[in-house]
Amino acid sequence: MLGKPDLNKTLANTNSSLFTILLAHEPDYADVTVNHPVDVQLSGHSHGGQVRFPFIGHLYTPAYAEKYVQGEYKINNGRLLLYVNRGIGTTRLPYRFLCRPEVSIYTLNNER
């Protein structure tokens, strides 16, 4: 968010035929990630919107978490899977409303 990430440099020594996971704090970075050989991006930063209302959804998200707020997204016809975790904390506003905290556990399986 405050730096200048270089995904080309980051992935330069990786094997694009292998399954690749990117941990990127800001979920909206997925719009850059989708143009690289990454299979899954795991992100947070949005806190799920923190304050949510039925039929309306989230009221506020921080910068770089405006497009992808919570849950799973399949980007570019499933080319990239993005999962945005709601997390357990808060930002700016010191409370959550109708946005349950979330801790995720991922199990990686080899499908051959």
PDB file of N, CA and C in Angstrom:
ATOM      1  N   MET A   1       0.820  -1.183   0.000  1.00  0.00           N
ATOM      2  CA  MET A   1       0.000   0.000   0.000  1.00  0.00           C
ATOM      3  C   MET A   1       0.874   1.260   0.000  1.00  0.00           C
ATOM      4  N   LEU A   2       1.938   1.228   0.765  1.00  0.00           N
ATOM      5  CA  LEU A   2       2.804   2.397   0.835  1.00  0.00           C
ATOM      6  C   LEU A   2       4.082   2.217   0.032  1.00  0.00           C
ATOM      7  N   GLY A   3       4.271   1.008  -0.502  1.00  0.00           N
ATOM      8  CA  GLY A   3       5.485   0.744  -1.260  1.00  0.00           C
ATOM      9  C   GLY A   3       5.222   0.691  -2.742  1.00  0.00           C
ATOM     10  N   LYS A   4       6.155   0.080  -3.448  1.00  0.00           N
ATOM     11  CA  LYS A   4       6.033  -0.091  -4.882  1.00  0.00           C
ATOM     12  C   LYS A   4       6.286  -1.564  -5.203  1.00  0.00           C
ATOM     13  N   PRO A   5       5.279  -2.408  -4.976  1.00  0.00           N
ATOM     14  CA  PRO A   5       5.493  -3.839  -5.217  1.00  0.00           C
ATOM     15  C   PRO A   5       5.786  -4.121  -6.688  1.00  0.00           C
ATOM     16  N   ASP A   6       6.700  -5.036  -6.916  1.00  0.00           N
ATOM     17  CA  ASP A   6       7.086  -5.426  -8.269  1.00  0.00           C
ATOM     18  C   ASP A   6       6.857  -6.926  -8.403  1.00  0.00           C
ATOM     19  N   LEU A   7       5.699  -7.290  -8.906  1.00  0.00           N
ATOM     20  CA  LEU A   7       5.337  -8.700  -9.001  1.00  0.00           C
ATOM     21  C   LEU A   7       6.196  -9.434 -10.029  1.00  0.00           C
ATOM     22  N   ASN A   8       6.640  -8.745 -11.070  1.00  0.00           N
ATOM     23  CA  ASN A   8       7.545  -9.381 -12.035  1.00  0.00           C
ATOM     24  C   ASN A   8       8.832  -9.815 -11.353  1.00  0.00           C
ATOM     25  N   LYS A   9       9.394  -8.946 -10.544  1.00  0.00           N
ATOM     26  CA  LYS A   9      10.629  -9.265  -9.831  1.00  0.00           C
ATOM     27  C   LYS A   9      10.389 -10.357  -8.785  1.00  0.00           C
ATOM     28  N   THR A  10       9.252 -10.276  -8.101  1.00  0.00           N
ATOM     29  CA  THR A  10       8.913 -11.265  -7.080  1.00  0.00           C
ATOM     30  C   THR A  10       8.813 -12.661  -7.679  1.00  0.00           C
ATOM     31  N   LEU A  11       8.221 -12.771  -8.847  1.00  0.00           N
ATOM     32  CA  LEU A  11       7.980 -14.077  -9.466  1.00  0.00           C
ATOM     33  C   LEU A  11       9.077 -14.506 -10.433  1.00  0.00           C
ATOM     34  N   ALA A  12      10.125 -13.712 -10.577  1.00  0.00           N
ATOM     35  CA  ALA A  12      11.173 -13.973 -11.573  1.00  0.00           C
ATOM     36  C   ALA A  12      11.804 -15.354 -11.446  1.00  0.00           C
ATOM     37  N   ASN A  13      12.015 -15.842 -10.246  1.00  0.00           N
ATOM     38  CA  ASN A  13      12.689 -17.124 -10.053  1.00  0.00           C
ATOM     39  C   ASN A  13      11.741 -18.251  -9.687  1.00  0.00           C
ATOM     40  N   THR A  14      10.465 -18.092 -10.008  1.00  0.00           N
ATOM     41  CA  THR A  14       9.497 -19.148  -9.708  1.00  0.00           C
ATOM     42  C   THR A  14       9.199 -19.951 -10.962  1.00  0.00           C
ATOM     43  N   ASN A  15       8.662 -21.125 -10.762  1.00  0.00           N
ATOM     44  CA  ASN A  15       8.276 -22.002 -11.856  1.00  0.00           C
ATOM     45  C   ASN A  15       6.781 -21.804 -12.107  1.00  0.00           C
ATOM     46  N   SER A  16       6.419 -21.208 -13.230  1.00  0.00           N
ATOM     47  CA  SER A  16       5.024 -20.883 -13.505  1.00  0.00           C
ATOM     48  C   SER A  16       4.142 -22.111 -13.686  1.00  0.00           C
ATOM     49  N   SER A  17       4.744 -23.282 -13.826  1.00  0.00           N
ATOM     50  CA  SER A  17       3.938 -24.502 -13.951  1.00  0.00           C
ATOM     51  C   SER A  17       3.546 -25.070 -12.579  1.00  0.00           C
ATOM     52  N   LEU A  18       4.119 -24.515 -11.518  1.00  0.00           N
ATOM     53  CA  LEU A  18       3.770 -24.954 -10.168  1.00  0.00           C
ATOM     54  C   LEU A  18       2.665 -24.077  -9.592  1.00  0.00           C
ATOM     55  N   PHE A  19       1.915 -24.614  -8.667  1.00  0.00           N
ATOM     56  CA  PHE A  19       0.844 -23.886  -7.993  1.00  0.00           C
ATOM     57  C   PHE A  19       1.460 -22.734  -7.204  1.00  0.00           C
ATOM     58  N   THR A  20       0.938 -21.530  -7.396  1.00  0.00           N
ATOM     59  CA  THR A  20       1.519 -20.347  -6.773  1.00  0.00           C
ATOM     60  C   THR A  20       0.468 -19.592  -5.976  1.00  0.00           C
ATOM     61  N   ILE A  21       0.801 -19.309  -4.707  1.00  0.00           N
ATOM     62  CA  ILE A  21      -0.070 -18.539  -3.821  1.00  0.00           C
ATOM     63  C   ILE A  21       0.620 -17.220  -3.515  1.00  0.00           C
ATOM     64  N   LEU A  22      -0.129 -16.129  -3.629  1.00  0.00           N
ATOM     65  CA  LEU A  22       0.384 -14.808  -3.301  1.00  0.00           C
ATOM     66  C   LEU A  22      -0.348 -14.294  -2.067  1.00  0.00           C
ATOM     67  N   LEU A  23       0.393 -13.873  -1.072  1.00  0.00           N
ATOM     68  CA  LEU A  23      -0.190 -13.202   0.082  1.00  0.00           C
ATOM     69  C   LEU A  23      -0.024 -11.704  -0.153  1.00  0.00           C
ATOM     70  N   ALA A  24      -1.138 -11.034  -0.361  1.00  0.00           N
ATOM     71  CA  ALA A  24      -1.119  -9.594  -0.620  1.00  0.00           C
ATOM     72  C   ALA A  24      -2.099  -8.940   0.338  1.00  0.00           C
ATOM     73  N   HIS A  25      -1.629  -8.052   1.144  1.00  0.00           N
ATOM     74  CA  HIS A  25      -2.471  -7.455   2.176  1.00  0.00           C
ATOM     75  C   HIS A  25      -3.733  -6.821   1.589  1.00  0.00           C
ATOM     76  N   GLU A  26      -3.596  -6.024   0.557  1.00  0.00           N
ATOM     77  CA  GLU A  26      -4.725  -5.321  -0.037  1.00  0.00           C
ATOM     78  C   GLU A  26      -5.380  -6.171  -1.121  1.00  0.00           C
ATOM     79  N   PRO A  27      -6.675  -6.468  -0.983  1.00  0.00           N
ATOM     80  CA  PRO A  27      -7.336  -7.351  -1.955  1.00  0.00           C
ATOM     81  C   PRO A  27      -7.467  -6.774  -3.356  1.00  0.00           C
ATOM     82  N   ASP A  28      -7.584  -5.475  -3.503  1.00  0.00           N
ATOM     83  CA  ASP A  28      -7.736  -4.896  -4.836  1.00  0.00           C
ATOM     84  C   ASP A  28      -6.490  -5.083  -5.696  1.00  0.00           C
ATOM     85  N   TYR A  29      -5.395  -5.503  -5.091  1.00  0.00           N
ATOM     86  CA  TYR A  29      -4.173  -5.810  -5.842  1.00  0.00           C
ATOM     87  C   TYR A  29      -4.409  -6.985  -6.790  1.00  0.00           C
ATOM     88  N   ALA A  30      -5.491  -7.719  -6.585  1.00  0.00           N
ATOM     89  CA  ALA A  30      -5.825  -8.851  -7.458  1.00  0.00           C
ATOM     90  C   ALA A  30      -5.961  -8.422  -8.912  1.00  0.00           C
ATOM     91  N   ASP A  31      -6.325  -7.176  -9.161  1.00  0.00           N
ATOM     92  CA  ASP A  31      -6.439  -6.694 -10.531  1.00  0.00           C
ATOM     93  C   ASP A  31      -5.074  -6.608 -11.217  1.00  0.00           C
ATOM     94  N   VAL A  32      -4.013  -6.551 -10.448  1.00  0.00           N
ATOM     95  CA  VAL A  32      -2.646  -6.625 -10.980  1.00  0.00           C
ATOM     96  C   VAL A  32      -2.213  -8.090 -11.031  1.00  0.00           C
ATOM     97  N   THR A  33      -2.498  -8.805  -9.959  1.00  0.00           N
ATOM     98  CA  THR A  33      -2.087 -10.204  -9.831  1.00  0.00           C
ATOM     99  C   THR A  33      -2.604 -11.071 -10.974  1.00  0.00           C
ATOM    100  N   VAL A  34      -3.816 -10.812 -11.426  1.00  0.00           N
ATOM    101  CA  VAL A  34      -4.435 -11.652 -12.462  1.00  0.00           C
ATOM    102  C   VAL A  34      -3.617 -11.694 -13.751  1.00  0.00           C
ATOM    103  N   ASN A  35      -2.738 -10.744 -13.956  1.00  0.00           N
ATOM    104  CA  ASN A  35      -1.893 -10.705 -15.148  1.00  0.00           C
ATOM    105  C   ASN A  35      -0.569 -11.438 -14.968  1.00  0.00           C
ATOM    106  N   HIS A  36      -0.445 -12.193 -13.886  1.00  0.00           N
ATOM    107  CA  HIS A  36       0.788 -12.919 -13.578  1.00  0.00           C
ATOM    108  C   HIS A  36       0.460 -14.384 -13.302  1.00  0.00           C
ATOM    109  N   PRO A  37       1.478 -15.255 -13.322  1.00  0.00           N
ATOM    110  CA  PRO A  37       1.229 -16.681 -13.088  1.00  0.00           C
ATOM    111  C   PRO A  37       1.022 -16.999 -11.602  1.00  0.00           C
ATOM    112  N   VAL A  38      -0.104 -16.539 -11.076  1.00  0.00           N
ATOM    113  CA  VAL A  38      -0.485 -16.780  -9.682  1.00  0.00           C
ATOM    114  C   VAL A  38      -1.846 -17.459  -9.708  1.00  0.00           C
ATOM    115  N   ASP A  39      -1.999 -18.510  -8.911  1.00  0.00           N
ATOM    116  CA  ASP A  39      -3.253 -19.258  -8.883  1.00  0.00           C
ATOM    117  C   ASP A  39      -4.225 -18.737  -7.830  1.00  0.00           C
ATOM    118  N   VAL A  40      -3.691 -18.390  -6.662  1.00  0.00           N
ATOM    119  CA  VAL A  40      -4.530 -17.947  -5.544  1.00  0.00           C
ATOM    120  C   VAL A  40      -3.896 -16.734  -4.882  1.00  0.00           C
ATOM    121  N   GLN A  41      -4.718 -15.744  -4.566  1.00  0.00           N
ATOM    122  CA  GLN A  41      -4.274 -14.604  -3.763  1.00  0.00           C
ATOM    123  C   GLN A  41      -5.083 -14.601  -2.479  1.00  0.00           C
ATOM    124  N   LEU A  42      -4.394 -14.537  -1.352  1.00  0.00           N
ATOM    125  CA  LEU A  42      -5.043 -14.434  -0.044  1.00  0.00           C
ATOM    126  C   LEU A  42      -4.797 -13.034   0.488  1.00  0.00           C
ATOM    127  N   SER A  43      -5.891 -12.364   0.886  1.00  0.00           N
ATOM    128  CA  SER A  43      -5.792 -10.975   1.333  1.00  0.00           C
ATOM    129  C   SER A  43      -6.654 -10.721   2.554  1.00  0.00           C
ATOM    130  N   GLY A  44      -6.482  -9.546   3.124  1.00  0.00           N
ATOM    131  CA  GLY A  44      -7.269  -9.092   4.264  1.00  0.00           C
ATOM    132  C   GLY A  44      -7.562  -7.620   4.063  1.00  0.00           C
ATOM    133  N   HIS A  45      -7.158  -6.791   4.982  1.00  0.00           N
ATOM    134  CA  HIS A  45      -7.183  -5.336   4.902  1.00  0.00           C
ATOM    135  C   HIS A  45      -8.573  -4.702   4.984  1.00  0.00           C
ATOM    136  N   SER A  46      -9.597  -5.336   4.433  1.00  0.00           N
ATOM    137  CA  SER A  46     -10.929  -4.722   4.376  1.00  0.00           C
ATOM    138  C   SER A  46     -11.705  -4.846   5.679  1.00  0.00           C
ATOM    139  N   HIS A  47     -11.327  -5.816   6.497  1.00  0.00           N
ATOM    140  CA  HIS A  47     -12.066  -6.136   7.725  1.00  0.00           C
ATOM    141  C   HIS A  47     -13.525  -6.465   7.412  1.00  0.00           C
ATOM    142  N   GLY A  48     -13.782  -6.896   6.171  1.00  0.00           N
ATOM    143  CA  GLY A  48     -15.134  -7.254   5.756  1.00  0.00           C
ATOM    144  C   GLY A  48     -16.079  -6.074   5.684  1.00  0.00           C
ATOM    145  N   GLY A  49     -15.553  -4.893   5.808  1.00  0.00           N
ATOM    146  CA  GLY A  49     -16.378  -3.692   5.812  1.00  0.00           C
ATOM    147  C   GLY A  49     -16.716  -3.235   7.223  1.00  0.00           C
ATOM    148  N   GLN A  50     -16.471  -4.097   8.209  1.00  0.00           N
ATOM    149  CA  GLN A  50     -16.687  -3.812   9.643  1.00  0.00           C
ATOM    150  C   GLN A  50     -18.123  -3.513  10.020  1.00  0.00           C
ATOM    151  N   VAL A  51     -18.760  -2.589   9.346  1.00  0.00           N
ATOM    152  CA  VAL A  51     -20.153  -2.242   9.624  1.00  0.00           C
ATOM    153  C   VAL A  51     -20.969  -2.598   8.385  1.00  0.00           C
ATOM    154  N   ARG A  52     -21.895  -3.549   8.555  1.00  0.00           N
ATOM    155  CA  ARG A  52     -22.694  -4.033   7.433  1.00  0.00           C
ATOM    156  C   ARG A  52     -24.172  -3.952   7.797  1.00  0.00           C
ATOM    157  N   PHE A  53     -24.985  -3.693   6.810  1.00  0.00           N
ATOM    158  CA  PHE A  53     -26.437  -3.659   7.002  1.00  0.00           C
ATOM    159  C   PHE A  53     -27.098  -4.572   5.982  1.00  0.00           C
ATOM    160  N   PRO A  54     -28.172  -5.263   6.401  1.00  0.00           N
ATOM    161  CA  PRO A  54     -28.892  -6.119   5.449  1.00  0.00           C
ATOM    162  C   PRO A  54     -29.344  -5.313   4.230  1.00  0.00           C
ATOM    163  N   PHE A  55     -29.261  -5.922   3.072  1.00  0.00           N
ATOM    164  CA  PHE A  55     -29.665  -5.352   1.787  1.00  0.00           C
ATOM    165  C   PHE A  55     -28.769  -4.201   1.308  1.00  0.00           C
ATOM    166  N   ILE A  56     -27.925  -3.675   2.165  1.00  0.00           N
ATOM    167  CA  ILE A  56     -27.029  -2.581   1.777  1.00  0.00           C
ATOM    168  C   ILE A  56     -25.599  -3.093   1.646  1.00  0.00           C
ATOM    169  N   GLY A  57     -25.172  -3.893   2.626  1.00  0.00           N
ATOM    170  CA  GLY A  57     -23.803  -4.385   2.643  1.00  0.00           C
ATOM    171  C   GLY A  57     -22.914  -3.488   3.473  1.00  0.00           C
ATOM    172  N   HIS A  58     -21.649  -3.409   3.101  1.00  0.00           N
ATOM    173  CA  HIS A  58     -20.666  -2.640   3.872  1.00  0.00           C
ATOM    174  C   HIS A  58     -20.844  -1.144   3.638  1.00  0.00           C
ATOM    175  N   LEU A  59     -20.507  -0.388   4.665  1.00  0.00           N
ATOM    176  CA  LEU A  59     -20.601   1.070   4.563  1.00  0.00           C
ATOM    177  C   LEU A  59     -19.260   1.716   4.230  1.00  0.00           C
ATOM    178  N   TYR A  60     -18.176   1.068   4.658  1.00  0.00           N
ATOM    179  CA  TYR A  60     -16.860   1.681   4.494  1.00  0.00           C
ATOM    180  C   TYR A  60     -15.806   0.581   4.387  1.00  0.00           C
ATOM    181  N   THR A  61     -14.866   0.777   3.503  1.00  0.00           N
ATOM    182  CA  THR A  61     -13.660  -0.050   3.471  1.00  0.00           C
ATOM    183  C   THR A  61     -12.471   0.872   3.238  1.00  0.00           C
ATOM    184  N   PRO A  62     -11.298   0.471   3.715  1.00  0.00           N
ATOM    185  CA  PRO A  62     -10.116   1.303   3.492  1.00  0.00           C
ATOM    186  C   PRO A  62      -9.706   1.290   2.017  1.00  0.00           C
ATOM    187  N   ALA A  63      -8.854   2.212   1.651  1.00  0.00           N
ATOM    188  CA  ALA A  63      -8.321   2.262   0.287  1.00  0.00           C
ATOM    189  C   ALA A  63      -7.713   0.916  -0.076  1.00  0.00           C
ATOM    190  N   TYR A  64      -7.827   0.535  -1.324  1.00  0.00           N
ATOM    191  CA  TYR A  64      -7.303  -0.712  -1.870  1.00  0.00           C
ATOM    192  C   TYR A  64      -8.067  -1.944  -1.370  1.00  0.00           C
ATOM    193  N   ALA A  65      -9.255  -1.705  -0.804  1.00  0.00           N
ATOM    194  CA  ALA A  65     -10.154  -2.802  -0.424  1.00  0.00           C
ATOM    195  C   ALA A  65     -11.580  -2.380  -0.756  1.00  0.00           C
ATOM    196  N   GLU A  66     -11.709  -1.661  -1.839  1.00  0.00           N
ATOM    197  CA  GLU A  66     -13.010  -1.110  -2.210  1.00  0.00           C
ATOM    198  C   GLU A  66     -13.767  -2.016  -3.173  1.00  0.00           C
ATOM    199  N   LYS A  67     -13.057  -2.760  -3.987  1.00  0.00           N
ATOM    200  CA  LYS A  67     -13.690  -3.622  -4.978  1.00  0.00           C
ATOM    201  C   LYS A  67     -13.958  -5.023  -4.427  1.00  0.00           C
ATOM    202  N   TYR A  68     -12.995  -5.559  -3.707  1.00  0.00           N
ATOM    203  CA  TYR A  68     -13.098  -6.899  -3.137  1.00  0.00           C
ATOM    204  C   TYR A  68     -13.102  -6.767  -1.620  1.00  0.00           C
ATOM    205  N   VAL A  69     -14.237  -7.076  -0.986  1.00  0.00           N
ATOM    206  CA  VAL A  69     -14.409  -6.759   0.432  1.00  0.00           C
ATOM    207  C   VAL A  69     -14.335  -7.972   1.343  1.00  0.00           C
ATOM    208  N   GLN A  70     -14.989  -9.063   0.951  1.00  0.00           N
ATOM    209  CA  GLN A  70     -14.952 -10.262   1.789  1.00  0.00           C
ATOM    210  C   GLN A  70     -15.309 -11.478   0.954  1.00  0.00           C
ATOM    211  N   GLY A  71     -14.765 -12.624   1.347  1.00  0.00           N
ATOM    212  CA  GLY A  71     -15.123 -13.872   0.695  1.00  0.00           C
ATOM    213  C   GLY A  71     -14.296 -14.202  -0.531  1.00  0.00           C
ATOM    214  N   GLU A  72     -14.874 -15.078  -1.354  1.00  0.00           N
ATOM    215  CA  GLU A  72     -14.175 -15.634  -2.510  1.00  0.00           C
ATOM    216  C   GLU A  72     -14.602 -14.937  -3.800  1.00  0.00           C
ATOM    217  N   TYR A  73     -13.616 -14.678  -4.635  1.00  0.00           N
ATOM    218  CA  TYR A  73     -13.856 -14.079  -5.943  1.00  0.00           C
ATOM    219  C   TYR A  73     -13.090 -14.880  -6.983  1.00  0.00           C
ATOM    220  N   LYS A  74     -13.735 -15.177  -8.085  1.00  0.00           N
ATOM    221  CA  LYS A  74     -13.061 -15.802  -9.226  1.00  0.00           C
ATOM    222  C   LYS A  74     -12.899 -14.719 -10.271  1.00  0.00           C
ATOM    223  N   ILE A  75     -11.646 -14.382 -10.534  1.00  0.00           N
ATOM    224  CA  ILE A  75     -11.331 -13.255 -11.411  1.00  0.00           C
ATOM    225  C   ILE A  75     -10.857 -13.768 -12.763  1.00  0.00           C
ATOM    226  N   ASN A  76     -11.296 -13.085 -13.812  1.00  0.00           N
ATOM    227  CA  ASN A  76     -10.921 -13.428 -15.180  1.00  0.00           C
ATOM    228  C   ASN A  76     -11.280 -14.885 -15.495  1.00  0.00           C
ATOM    229  N   ASN A  77     -12.560 -15.190 -15.355  1.00  0.00           N
ATOM    230  CA  ASN A  77     -13.089 -16.535 -15.630  1.00  0.00           C
ATOM    231  C   ASN A  77     -12.393 -17.625 -14.817  1.00  0.00           C
ATOM    232  N   GLY A  78     -12.072 -17.319 -13.576  1.00  0.00           N
ATOM    233  CA  GLY A  78     -11.448 -18.303 -12.693  1.00  0.00           C
ATOM    234  C   GLY A  78      -9.951 -18.413 -12.831  1.00  0.00           C
ATOM    235  N   ARG A  79      -9.343 -17.577 -13.651  1.00  0.00           N
ATOM    236  CA  ARG A  79      -7.879 -17.591 -13.822  1.00  0.00           C
ATOM    237  C   ARG A  79      -7.165 -17.350 -12.496  1.00  0.00           C
ATOM    238  N   LEU A  80      -7.779 -16.513 -11.658  1.00  0.00           N
ATOM    239  CA  LEU A  80      -7.229 -16.219 -10.336  1.00  0.00           C
ATOM    240  C   LEU A  80      -8.331 -16.370  -9.305  1.00  0.00           C
ATOM    241  N   LEU A  81      -8.038 -17.088  -8.251  1.00  0.00           N
ATOM    242  CA  LEU A  81      -8.954 -17.192  -7.126  1.00  0.00           C
ATOM    243  C   LEU A  81      -8.449 -16.242  -6.041  1.00  0.00           C
ATOM    244  N   LEU A  82      -9.322 -15.339  -5.596  1.00  0.00           N
ATOM    245  CA  LEU A  82      -8.998 -14.398  -4.530  1.00  0.00           C
ATOM    246  C   LEU A  82      -9.877 -14.716  -3.337  1.00  0.00           C
ATOM    247  N   TYR A  83      -9.258 -14.809  -2.163  1.00  0.00           N
ATOM    248  CA  TYR A  83     -10.050 -14.932  -0.942  1.00  0.00           C
ATOM    249  C   TYR A  83      -9.683 -13.765  -0.023  1.00  0.00           C
ATOM    250  N   VAL A  84     -10.724 -13.018   0.391  1.00  0.00           N
ATOM    251  CA  VAL A  84     -10.536 -11.869   1.275  1.00  0.00           C
ATOM    252  C   VAL A  84     -11.105 -12.233   2.642  1.00  0.00           C
ATOM    253  N   ASN A  85     -10.227 -12.309   3.614  1.00  0.00           N
ATOM    254  CA  ASN A  85     -10.591 -12.664   4.976  1.00  0.00           C
ATOM    255  C   ASN A  85     -11.052 -11.426   5.739  1.00  0.00           C
ATOM    256  N   ARG A  86     -12.131 -11.555   6.508  1.00  0.00           N
ATOM    257  CA  ARG A  86     -12.654 -10.430   7.296  1.00  0.00           C
ATOM    258  C   ARG A  86     -11.775 -10.104   8.499  1.00  0.00           C
ATOM    259  N   GLY A  87     -10.945 -11.037   8.921  1.00  0.00           N
ATOM    260  CA  GLY A  87     -10.061 -10.796  10.050  1.00  0.00           C
ATOM    261  C   GLY A  87     -10.796 -10.694  11.371  1.00  0.00           C
ATOM    262  N   ILE A  88     -10.072 -10.284  12.402  1.00  0.00           N
ATOM    263  CA  ILE A  88     -10.664 -10.218  13.740  1.00  0.00           C
ATOM    264  C   ILE A  88     -10.609  -8.824  14.356  1.00  0.00           C
ATOM    265  N   GLY A  89      -9.963  -7.906  13.696  1.00  0.00           N
ATOM    266  CA  GLY A  89      -9.785  -6.577  14.281  1.00  0.00           C
ATOM    267  C   GLY A  89     -10.650  -5.520  13.636  1.00  0.00           C
ATOM    268  N   THR A  90     -10.240  -4.281  13.848  1.00  0.00           N
ATOM    269  CA  THR A  90     -10.940  -3.135  13.285  1.00  0.00           C
ATOM    270  C   THR A  90      -9.919  -2.129  12.767  1.00  0.00           C
ATOM    271  N   THR A  91     -10.395  -1.195  11.987  1.00  0.00           N
ATOM    272  CA  THR A  91      -9.555  -0.095  11.524  1.00  0.00           C
ATOM    273  C   THR A  91     -10.390   1.181  11.541  1.00  0.00           C
ATOM    274  N   ARG A  92      -9.812   2.244  11.928  1.00  0.00           N
ATOM    275  CA  ARG A  92     -10.480   3.540  12.055  1.00  0.00           C
ATOM    276  C   ARG A  92     -11.647   3.489  13.053  1.00  0.00           C
ATOM    277  N   LEU A  93     -12.726   2.824  12.683  1.00  0.00           N
ATOM    278  CA  LEU A  93     -13.864   2.675  13.596  1.00  0.00           C
ATOM    279  C   LEU A  93     -13.562   1.546  14.575  1.00  0.00           C
ATOM    280  N   PRO A  94     -13.682   1.769  15.883  1.00  0.00           N
ATOM    281  CA  PRO A  94     -13.277   0.738  16.858  1.00  0.00           C
ATOM    282  C   PRO A  94     -14.372  -0.291  17.143  1.00  0.00           C
ATOM    283  N   TYR A  95     -15.208  -0.627  16.153  1.00  0.00           N
ATOM    284  CA  TYR A  95     -16.266  -1.608  16.373  1.00  0.00           C
ATOM    285  C   TYR A  95     -16.641  -2.299  15.068  1.00  0.00           C
ATOM    286  N   ARG A  96     -17.359  -3.424  15.233  1.00  0.00           N
ATOM    287  CA  ARG A  96     -17.891  -4.186  14.107  1.00  0.00           C
ATOM    288  C   ARG A  96     -19.394  -4.309  14.315  1.00  0.00           C
ATOM    289  N   PHE A  97     -20.155  -4.338  13.224  1.00  0.00           N
ATOM    290  CA  PHE A  97     -21.597  -4.523  13.318  1.00  0.00           C
ATOM    291  C   PHE A  97     -22.042  -5.403  12.159  1.00  0.00           C
ATOM    292  N   LEU A  98     -22.643  -6.545  12.482  1.00  0.00           N
ATOM    293  CA  LEU A  98     -23.094  -7.533  11.500  1.00  0.00           C
ATOM    294  C   LEU A  98     -21.981  -7.967  10.546  1.00  0.00           C
ATOM    295  N   CYS A  99     -20.776  -7.995  11.068  1.00  0.00           N
ATOM    296  CA  CYS A  99     -19.613  -8.447  10.307  1.00  0.00           C
ATOM    297  C   CYS A  99     -18.792  -9.326  11.241  1.00  0.00           C
ATOM    298  N   ARG A 100     -19.141 -10.583  11.276  1.00  0.00           N
ATOM    299  CA  ARG A 100     -18.492 -11.502  12.211  1.00  0.00           C
ATOM    300  C   ARG A 100     -16.993 -11.612  11.947  1.00  0.00           C
ATOM    301  N   PRO A 101     -16.196 -11.613  13.004  1.00  0.00           N
ATOM    302  CA  PRO A 101     -14.756 -11.828  12.829  1.00  0.00           C
ATOM    303  C   PRO A 101     -14.505 -13.198  12.203  1.00  0.00           C
ATOM    304  N   GLU A 102     -13.385 -13.332  11.527  1.00  0.00           N
ATOM    305  CA  GLU A 102     -13.094 -14.567  10.802  1.00  0.00           C
ATOM    306  C   GLU A 102     -11.621 -14.929  10.920  1.00  0.00           C
ATOM    307  N   VAL A 103     -11.371 -16.199  11.213  1.00  0.00           N
ATOM    308  CA  VAL A 103     -10.036 -16.780  11.146  1.00  0.00           C
ATOM    309  C   VAL A 103     -10.162 -17.974  10.211  1.00  0.00           C
ATOM    310  N   SER A 104      -9.347 -18.038   9.190  1.00  0.00           N
ATOM    311  CA  SER A 104      -9.441 -19.116   8.195  1.00  0.00           C
ATOM    312  C   SER A 104      -8.308 -20.108   8.355  1.00  0.00           C
ATOM    313  N   ILE A 105      -8.623 -21.356   8.062  1.00  0.00           N
ATOM    314  CA  ILE A 105      -7.623 -22.425   8.014  1.00  0.00           C
ATOM    315  C   ILE A 105      -7.670 -22.995   6.607  1.00  0.00           C
ATOM    316  N   TYR A 106      -6.543 -23.068   5.961  1.00  0.00           N
ATOM    317  CA  TYR A 106      -6.465 -23.579   4.602  1.00  0.00           C
ATOM    318  C   TYR A 106      -5.740 -24.914   4.597  1.00  0.00           C
ATOM    319  N   THR A 107      -6.281 -25.847   3.865  1.00  0.00           N
ATOM    320  CA  THR A 107      -5.659 -27.160   3.680  1.00  0.00           C
ATOM    321  C   THR A 107      -5.322 -27.301   2.206  1.00  0.00           C
ATOM    322  N   LEU A 108      -4.060 -27.506   1.922  1.00  0.00           N
ATOM    323  CA  LEU A 108      -3.621 -27.673   0.548  1.00  0.00           C
ATOM    324  C   LEU A 108      -3.584 -29.158   0.207  1.00  0.00           C
ATOM    325  N   ASN A 109      -4.198 -29.509  -0.891  1.00  0.00           N
ATOM    326  CA  ASN A 109      -4.227 -30.898  -1.354  1.00  0.00           C
ATOM    327  C   ASN A 109      -3.637 -30.977  -2.737  1.00  0.00           C
ATOM    328  N   ASN A 110      -2.941 -32.062  -2.998  1.00  0.00           N
ATOM    329  CA  ASN A 110      -2.373 -32.311  -4.306  1.00  0.00           C
ATOM    330  C   ASN A 110      -3.354 -33.181  -5.084  1.00  0.00           C
ATOM    331  N   GLU A 111      -3.967 -32.627  -6.114  1.00  0.00           N
ATOM    332  CA  GLU A 111      -4.881 -33.388  -6.955  1.00  0.00           C
ATOM    333  C   GLU A 111      -4.147 -33.879  -8.165  1.00  0.00           C
ATOM    334  N   ARG A 112      -3.886 -35.159  -8.183  1.00  0.00           N
ATOM    335  CA  ARG A 112      -3.170 -35.751  -9.325  1.00  0.00           C
ATOM    336  C   ARG A 112      -4.056 -36.689 -10.067  1.00  0.00           C
TER     337      ARG A 112
END
